[in-house]
Amino acid sequence: MSFSSRLHEIRDGFERPFWVANISEIFERLSYYAVFASLVRYLHEVLNFPTERATDLTGLFGGLVWFLAIFGGAIADRLGFRRALSLAYLILASSYFLLGSIGASWFAPVRNLVPLVVLATFLLVLPPLGVALVKPCVVGTTARASKENVRSIGYSIYYTLVNIGGALGPWLAGIINEKLPTNVVFRMAALSVFLMFFLVLVFFKDPQRSGDTKTASFDETLRNFAKVLANPKFMIFLLIFSGYWIVYWQEFITLPLYVHDYINPLTNTDKMLSTGPMVVIALTVAMSVASKKMAPFRAVLLGTLISMLAFTILAIHPTVIAAYAALIVIALGELTQQPRYYDYISRLAPVGQQGTYMGFAFLPIGIGALVAGRIGGALLHQFGEVQRKPQLFWWAITAIGVATTLLLWIYDRVVKPSEVKSSDAGANA
């Protein structure tokens, strides 16, 4: 097919809701990652939470999204995408604004009424509620508002726009934090998603349903969850792979504190965190071609090992340049394993339950973020503030990553998912 024909196909293949939803997703991701990039230092340096509490709360913010998203699709389906998106952006706008206002003088009566940790925890739970509604709406709209011949392109557009937002958010937060207080980052994020509220109200209409875009009800979601829990082999895999995300999320949860406290306090750690998404945007196609012929598990194992060894660069050579290098290596590992990870999970799922299992493939991301905050904060406090040997922190994090890689290799040798799939097929024949 010629380029002009493909361009015509793309132009006519997407309805207006597709573009509205995906444009709004750029600003949602921009806001989310701007806040995420600044959050741990905001909690530690502005609100004066100790290291362990600040990292724990940051992990809660990063992890809760992936648990709530399991049920977000059922809620969005009940409300309709237009109402769900509108509600989500209102929740996000108000919660980001209030998070950035915790230290404001006008917020003092609330601050004096409720313990600070309780107030911060409550406000940090609200944004994941909004994000959990946005994700299924945008993905669902991409499916419903795309013609069959361009639907795969639609998902590629969605993935690219998500990464653009993920790169722009920390970069803009860094620009703001160079000259303005950190609470301005939260208000920028609030304004960004508030504008998306109006964009949805004015331009978005619920796309027509089609037979292949059914969203599970609450009851179906709970039954699906029970199916996953009833498969111990799969649950073990999810728990093991959570180790990857425990290490990965350190770039948002502890790396900013480490660079600021133990390398150079003048470093713009927010801008630094735009490195990974930029690498992903630049190299997605090249890495897809390079790893196309690699077996799914081999790609998962190789990508995991690459990412898990990245922080040794910082452990050996604690400089700002080394921190950037570590982020680049983590992104290369992510690009190697992430697309093939879902292929591997499809091989672990019993015949006829691939859809259910794929829906829970995101659980390790949430588990990893929640645990990463607790583990990262405790280790950074111990090695940095107590022992005064901060470089040991990265060796400890690397040890978690290497152990994860080893456990994945052992798991695959024991379970042999390709054989499991074949035997299940025979049993169900």
Foldseek 3Di string as FASTA:
>chain_A
DDPVVVVVCVVPFFDQQLVLLLVLLLLLLLLLLLCLQCQLCCCCPVVNDALLLSLLLSLQLQQVLLVLLLQLLQVCVVVPLLVLLLVLLVLLLVLLLVLLCCPPPVNVVVCVVDPPSVVSSVSSNRNSNSSSNSVNSNLLSLVQRGDPVCSVVSVVSSVLSSLSSNLNNLQVSLVCVLPHDSSVSSNVSSVSSNVSSVSSVPRHDGGDDDPPRDTDHPVRSVVLVVVCVVDVLNVVLLVLCLLLLLLVCCLSRPVVVCCCPPENVSDSSSNLSSLLSVLCSVCLVVLCVVCVPPQLLVLQLVLLLQLLCLLVQCLVPVYPVSSSSSSNSNSSSCSRHVVSLLVLQCLQDFPPCSVSSSSCSSNSNSVSSNVSSNVLSVLQCCCCVPVVNNSVSSVVSSVSSVVSSVVSVVSCVVCVSNVVRVVSVVVVD
